[in-house]
Amino acid sequence: MNRSLKVIDCVVNPITPEVMRLRPAWSKTFWTGKIGRESSVAEGVTHEQMLELMDRNGIERSLLIATKTGQMGIPGSWHLPYEMVADAVQRWPDRFSGLAGLDPTEGMAGVRAFEHSVREYGFVGGHFYPHWFELAPDHARWYPFYAKCVELDVPVQLQVGQSLVYDPARPLKSVGRPITLDAVACDFPELKLVGIHVGIPWTEEMIAMAWKHPNIYIGCDAHSPRYWPQSFVHFINTFGQDKVIFGTDYPVLDFERTLREIDALNLRPVALEKLLRGNAERLYRLGQS
């Protein structure tokens, strides 16, 4: 795909063979079964192969998630060590940036580790899944991480909308209602919050939060653009053009198909530039490359 606009993908899961050996079995069957990705994904994609895919689709930079999926010791949970993402960021600083997964059960030890990832590894923000801990975004156990984000002046991504059944042995409740961001934004007006996964099926709620609060943004990842609610497309193209950032949640979505479907939306040029690059560049202070 020839693309003059260089894209920033703000939600990317590293899936190198080394990472895939750490991931629990459910993640591989989830991608190939529920999501419908090809079986080769479960074998892993090296960073070099990832860069080739990015180049082929005009993606200049990807934000790699050092995910923390549930409390360690609970079946199905796993954590990707920050150091594994930091290594990729240090090798390709112009192509990769790091996002630190957050686990509220780690308390202040987790807060200090998060701070270390930003100050020492150069990570550009935090990331977490409320449903994996069954703690809504406005639960008090997340608040120390919010305070640290404000102190470090970095955004935090969090999944909003329904959760799926990832590990059949442990179905999780959908605690990420977008409306729960309202209390967080009121308590931390300086905090930059990114509600990823569009907010489906509560997209209108997510749009309302991004419209109400100056520092709430929406990540458009994990759901194919051809199925986005029309109200969301309208938001991106008009009054919300400064409030949505591009992401795929790779490998959940394929780079090429996702960008092709966005092209088919026929967004206004200025809105398209902000979606695919400008908003992320400003929010994460990525600067000019």
Protein backbone atom coordinates (compact mmCIF):
# COMPACT_ATOMS: atom_id res chain seq x y z
CA MET A 1 0.00 0.00 0.00
CA ASN A 2 1.50 3.32 -1.08
CA ARG A 3 0.72 5.96 1.51
CA SER A 4 2.22 9.45 1.62
CA LEU A 5 0.90 10.06 5.14
CA LYS A 6 3.07 8.23 7.65
CA VAL A 7 0.82 6.47 10.15
CA ILE A 8 1.22 5.98 13.91
CA ASP A 9 -0.42 2.82 15.30
CA CYS A 10 -1.04 3.40 18.99
CA VAL A 11 -2.14 -0.12 20.01
CA VAL A 12 0.14 -2.97 18.94
CA ASN A 13 0.90 -6.25 20.70
CA PRO A 14 4.42 -7.57 20.15
CA ILE A 15 4.15 -11.24 19.20
CA THR A 16 7.71 -12.35 18.58
CA PRO A 17 8.38 -16.09 18.96
CA GLU A 18 9.92 -15.31 22.35
CA VAL A 19 6.77 -13.49 23.44
CA MET A 20 4.49 -16.23 22.10
CA ARG A 21 6.30 -18.76 24.28
CA LEU A 22 5.26 -16.69 27.31
CA ARG A 23 1.64 -16.20 26.31
CA PRO A 24 -0.96 -18.64 27.69
CA ALA A 25 -2.63 -21.09 25.33
CA TRP A 26 -5.94 -19.21 25.35
CA SER A 27 -4.48 -16.21 23.52
CA LYS A 28 -3.47 -18.27 20.49
CA THR A 29 -6.81 -20.06 20.17
CA PHE A 30 -8.64 -16.77 20.79
CA TRP A 31 -6.88 -15.07 17.87
CA THR A 32 -7.34 -17.95 15.45
CA GLY A 33 -10.82 -18.94 16.62
CA LYS A 34 -12.85 -15.97 17.90
CA ILE A 35 -10.95 -13.33 15.93
CA GLY A 36 -10.32 -15.43 12.82
CA ARG A 37 -6.65 -14.66 12.30
CA GLU A 38 -4.46 -17.08 10.38
CA SER A 39 -2.68 -19.85 12.32
CA SER A 40 0.74 -18.43 11.44
CA VAL A 41 0.10 -15.61 13.94
CA ALA A 42 0.42 -18.13 16.77
CA GLU A 43 3.94 -18.95 15.55
CA GLY A 44 5.08 -15.40 16.14
CA VAL A 45 6.22 -12.37 14.15
CA THR A 46 9.75 -11.09 14.69
CA HIS A 47 10.40 -7.38 15.14
CA GLU A 48 12.07 -7.35 11.74
CA GLN A 49 8.99 -8.91 10.17
CA MET A 50 6.80 -6.42 12.01
CA LEU A 51 8.85 -3.57 10.56
CA GLU A 52 8.43 -5.02 7.06
CA LEU A 53 4.65 -5.13 7.58
CA MET A 54 4.70 -1.57 8.86
CA ASP A 55 6.76 -0.36 5.90
CA ARG A 56 4.46 -2.11 3.46
CA ASN A 57 1.49 -0.23 4.88
CA GLY A 58 3.01 3.19 5.53
CA ILE A 59 3.15 2.81 9.31
CA GLU A 60 6.05 4.82 10.64
CA ARG A 61 5.73 4.02 14.35
CA SER A 62 3.98 1.47 16.54
CA LEU A 63 3.33 1.74 20.27
CA LEU A 64 4.14 -1.69 21.71
CA ILE A 65 2.26 -2.88 24.79
CA ALA A 66 4.09 -4.62 27.62
CA THR A 67 0.77 -6.10 28.68
CA LYS A 68 -0.25 -7.13 32.18
CA THR A 69 -3.22 -9.41 31.73
CA GLY A 70 -4.64 -10.29 35.13
CA GLN A 71 -3.03 -10.89 38.50
CA MET A 72 -0.11 -13.26 38.32
CA GLY A 73 -0.81 -16.66 39.87
CA ILE A 74 -4.40 -16.74 38.65
CA PRO A 75 -4.88 -19.26 35.82
CA GLY A 76 -4.91 -17.58 32.42
CA SER A 77 -3.11 -14.44 33.59
CA TRP A 78 0.28 -13.39 32.27
CA HIS A 79 2.62 -10.40 32.18
CA LEU A 80 5.04 -9.36 29.44
CA PRO A 81 8.21 -8.04 31.12
CA TYR A 82 8.80 -4.37 30.44
CA GLU A 83 12.38 -5.19 29.50
CA MET A 84 11.29 -7.17 26.42
CA VAL A 85 9.52 -4.14 24.98
CA ALA A 86 12.31 -1.81 26.13
CA ASP A 87 14.80 -3.86 24.10
CA ALA A 88 12.76 -3.30 20.92
CA VAL A 89 12.39 0.41 21.67
CA GLN A 90 16.12 0.79 22.24
CA ARG A 91 17.00 -1.04 19.01
CA TRP A 92 14.50 0.89 16.85
CA PRO A 93 13.78 4.16 18.69
CA ASP A 94 12.39 5.80 15.54
CA ARG A 95 9.94 2.97 14.89
CA PHE A 96 8.77 1.65 18.28
CA SER A 97 7.61 3.27 21.51
CA GLY A 98 6.64 1.44 24.69
CA LEU A 99 3.46 1.32 26.75
CA ALA A 100 3.63 -0.12 30.27
CA GLY A 101 0.95 -2.57 31.31
CA LEU A 102 -0.59 -1.85 34.72
CA ASP A 103 -1.76 -4.28 37.39
CA PRO A 104 -3.67 -2.67 40.30
CA THR A 105 -3.01 -5.65 42.57
CA GLU A 106 0.69 -4.76 42.60
CA GLY A 107 0.05 -1.60 44.61
CA MET A 108 2.92 0.86 45.03
CA ALA A 109 5.46 -1.67 43.76
CA GLY A 110 3.60 -1.57 40.46
CA VAL A 111 3.49 2.23 40.52
CA ARG A 112 7.26 2.39 41.04
CA ALA A 113 7.86 -0.11 38.24
CA PHE A 114 5.67 1.98 35.97
CA GLU A 115 7.61 5.12 36.82
CA HIS A 116 10.87 3.28 36.10
CA SER A 117 9.57 2.25 32.68
CA VAL A 118 8.90 5.88 31.77
CA ARG A 119 12.00 7.49 33.29
CA GLU A 120 14.55 4.79 32.45
CA TYR A 121 13.11 2.95 29.42
CA GLY A 122 11.49 5.95 27.78
CA PHE A 123 7.98 4.46 27.66
CA VAL A 124 5.39 6.99 26.56
CA GLY A 125 2.38 5.90 28.64
CA GLY A 126 0.45 3.25 30.50
CA HIS A 127 -2.05 0.62 29.38
CA PHE A 128 -4.50 -1.65 31.17
CA TYR A 129 -7.53 -3.93 30.83
CA PRO A 130 -10.14 -3.33 33.56
CA HIS A 131 -11.94 -6.63 32.87
CA TRP A 132 -8.89 -8.78 33.53
CA PHE A 133 -8.96 -7.54 37.12
CA GLU A 134 -12.76 -7.09 37.26
CA LEU A 135 -12.15 -3.58 38.57
CA ALA A 136 -13.93 -0.75 36.77
CA PRO A 137 -11.82 2.24 35.65
CA ASP A 138 -13.17 4.37 38.52
CA HIS A 139 -12.16 1.85 41.20
CA ALA A 140 -9.83 3.26 43.85
CA ARG A 141 -7.12 0.68 43.16
CA TRP A 142 -6.38 2.37 39.81
CA TYR A 143 -6.02 5.82 41.34
CA PRO A 144 -2.32 5.62 42.35
CA PHE A 145 -1.49 4.86 38.71
CA TYR A 146 -3.60 7.80 37.54
CA ALA A 147 -1.80 10.10 39.94
CA LYS A 148 1.57 8.86 38.68
CA CYS A 149 0.50 9.43 35.06
CA VAL A 150 -0.32 13.03 35.92
CA GLU A 151 3.01 13.44 37.67
CA LEU A 152 4.91 11.98 34.71
CA ASP A 153 2.65 13.79 32.21
CA VAL A 154 1.96 10.65 30.17
CA PRO A 155 -1.37 9.26 28.89
CA VAL A 156 -2.92 5.98 29.95
CA GLN A 157 -4.85 3.67 27.61
CA LEU A 158 -7.57 1.46 28.97
CA GLN A 159 -10.03 -0.91 27.35
CA VAL A 160 -13.61 0.32 27.26
CA GLY A 161 -16.69 -1.51 26.07
CA GLN A 162 -17.59 -5.13 26.49
CA SER A 163 -15.03 -7.82 27.17
CA LEU A 164 -15.14 -11.17 25.42
CA VAL A 165 -14.54 -14.66 26.79
CA TYR A 166 -10.80 -15.10 26.41
CA ASP A 167 -10.13 -18.07 28.64
CA PRO A 168 -13.21 -20.34 28.75
CA ALA A 169 -12.20 -21.43 32.24
CA ARG A 170 -12.47 -17.84 33.45
CA PRO A 171 -15.15 -15.67 31.84
CA LEU A 172 -14.83 -12.03 32.89
CA LYS A 173 -17.42 -9.33 33.48
CA SER A 174 -17.61 -6.27 31.20
CA VAL A 175 -16.66 -3.62 33.76
CA GLY A 176 -15.27 -1.07 31.29
CA ARG A 177 -18.33 1.10 30.72
CA PRO A 178 -17.16 4.40 29.20
CA ILE A 179 -19.29 6.37 31.66
CA THR A 180 -16.93 5.26 34.45
CA LEU A 181 -14.29 7.55 32.91
CA ASP A 182 -16.45 10.51 33.93
CA ALA A 183 -15.56 10.25 37.61
CA VAL A 184 -11.89 9.65 36.81
CA ALA A 185 -11.68 12.72 34.57
CA CYS A 186 -13.44 14.83 37.21
CA ASP A 187 -11.02 13.64 39.90
CA PHE A 188 -7.95 13.99 37.63
CA PRO A 189 -8.69 16.76 35.11
CA GLU A 190 -5.03 16.81 34.01
CA LEU A 191 -4.97 13.07 33.28
CA LYS A 192 -4.89 12.11 29.61
CA LEU A 193 -7.20 9.09 29.22
CA VAL A 194 -7.51 7.03 26.03
CA GLY A 195 -10.51 4.70 25.92
CA ILE A 196 -9.44 2.05 23.43
CA HIS A 197 -11.61 -0.46 21.53
CA VAL A 198 -14.12 2.25 20.47
CA GLY A 199 -16.40 1.61 23.47
CA ILE A 200 -18.60 -0.85 21.59
CA PRO A 201 -21.46 -1.48 22.38
CA TRP A 202 -21.53 1.81 24.33
CA THR A 203 -19.95 3.97 21.64
CA GLU A 204 -22.37 6.85 22.21
CA GLU A 205 -21.31 6.86 25.84
CA MET A 206 -17.64 6.97 24.81
CA ILE A 207 -18.26 9.83 22.40
CA ALA A 208 -20.06 11.73 25.18
CA MET A 209 -17.06 11.36 27.47
CA ALA A 210 -14.59 12.51 24.81
CA TRP A 211 -16.83 15.48 24.01
CA LYS A 212 -17.28 16.44 27.68
CA HIS A 213 -13.69 16.18 28.91
CA PRO A 214 -10.74 17.91 27.20
CA ASN A 215 -8.34 15.11 28.12
CA ILE A 216 -10.40 12.05 27.15
CA TYR A 217 -9.62 10.47 23.78
CA ILE A 218 -10.89 7.42 21.89
CA GLY A 219 -8.74 4.65 20.41
CA CYS A 220 -10.32 3.18 17.27
CA ASP A 221 -8.61 -0.23 17.51
CA ALA A 222 -9.88 -3.82 17.73
CA HIS A 223 -13.02 -3.28 15.63
CA SER A 224 -12.89 -3.26 11.83
CA PRO A 225 -13.63 0.21 10.43
CA ARG A 226 -16.27 -1.13 8.07
CA TYR A 227 -18.36 -2.00 11.13
CA TRP A 228 -17.84 1.21 13.08
CA PRO A 229 -21.10 2.87 14.15
CA GLN A 230 -22.02 5.75 11.86
CA SER A 231 -22.05 8.13 14.81
CA PHE A 232 -18.39 7.30 15.46
CA VAL A 233 -17.42 7.93 11.84
CA HIS A 234 -19.26 11.26 12.01
CA PHE A 235 -17.44 12.12 15.26
CA ILE A 236 -14.04 11.43 13.64
CA ASN A 237 -14.92 13.45 10.58
CA THR A 238 -16.39 16.50 12.35
CA PHE A 239 -16.53 17.72 15.95
CA GLY A 240 -14.38 14.89 17.32
CA GLN A 241 -11.57 15.06 14.78
CA ASP A 242 -9.04 16.06 17.48
CA LYS A 243 -10.08 13.30 19.89
CA VAL A 244 -9.54 9.94 18.12
CA ILE A 245 -6.25 8.07 17.65
CA PHE A 246 -5.54 5.23 15.26
CA GLY A 247 -4.78 1.71 16.43
CA THR A 248 -5.24 -1.86 15.32
CA ASP A 249 -4.63 -3.91 18.47
CA TYR A 250 -2.47 -6.00 16.13
CA PRO A 251 -2.70 -8.93 15.64
CA VAL A 252 -6.43 -8.57 16.34
CA LEU A 253 -6.68 -6.37 13.23
CA ASP A 254 -4.49 -6.61 10.16
CA PHE A 255 -2.62 -3.42 9.19
CA GLU A 256 -3.45 -3.54 5.49
CA ARG A 257 -7.14 -4.39 5.79
CA THR A 258 -7.71 -1.82 8.54
CA LEU A 259 -6.15 1.05 6.61
CA ARG A 260 -7.93 0.01 3.42
CA GLU A 261 -11.27 0.11 5.25
CA ILE A 262 -10.47 3.53 6.69
CA ASP A 263 -9.69 4.78 3.19
CA ALA A 264 -13.12 3.54 2.14
CA LEU A 265 -14.77 5.83 4.72
CA ASN A 266 -13.76 8.84 2.59
CA LEU A 267 -12.92 11.02 5.56
CA ARG A 268 -12.03 14.64 5.04
CA PRO A 269 -8.26 15.01 4.46
CA VAL A 270 -7.68 17.03 7.62
CA ALA A 271 -9.67 14.56 9.74
CA LEU A 272 -7.84 11.61 8.20
CA GLU A 273 -4.43 13.13 8.97
CA LYS A 274 -5.39 13.78 12.57
CA LEU A 275 -6.76 10.25 12.98
CA LEU A 276 -3.80 8.41 11.45
CA ARG A 277 -1.00 10.58 12.80
CA GLY A 278 -1.53 14.10 14.10
CA ASN A 279 -3.54 13.36 17.24
CA ALA A 280 -1.20 10.59 18.40
CA GLU A 281 1.87 12.68 17.67
CA ARG A 282 0.51 15.49 19.81
CA LEU A 283 -0.90 13.31 22.60
CA TYR A 284 2.22 11.17 23.02
CA ARG A 285 4.61 14.01 22.14
CA LEU A 286 6.36 11.87 19.57
CA GLY A 287 7.80 14.84 17.68
CA GLN A 288 8.79 14.99 14.06
CA SER A 289 10.72 12.09 12.55
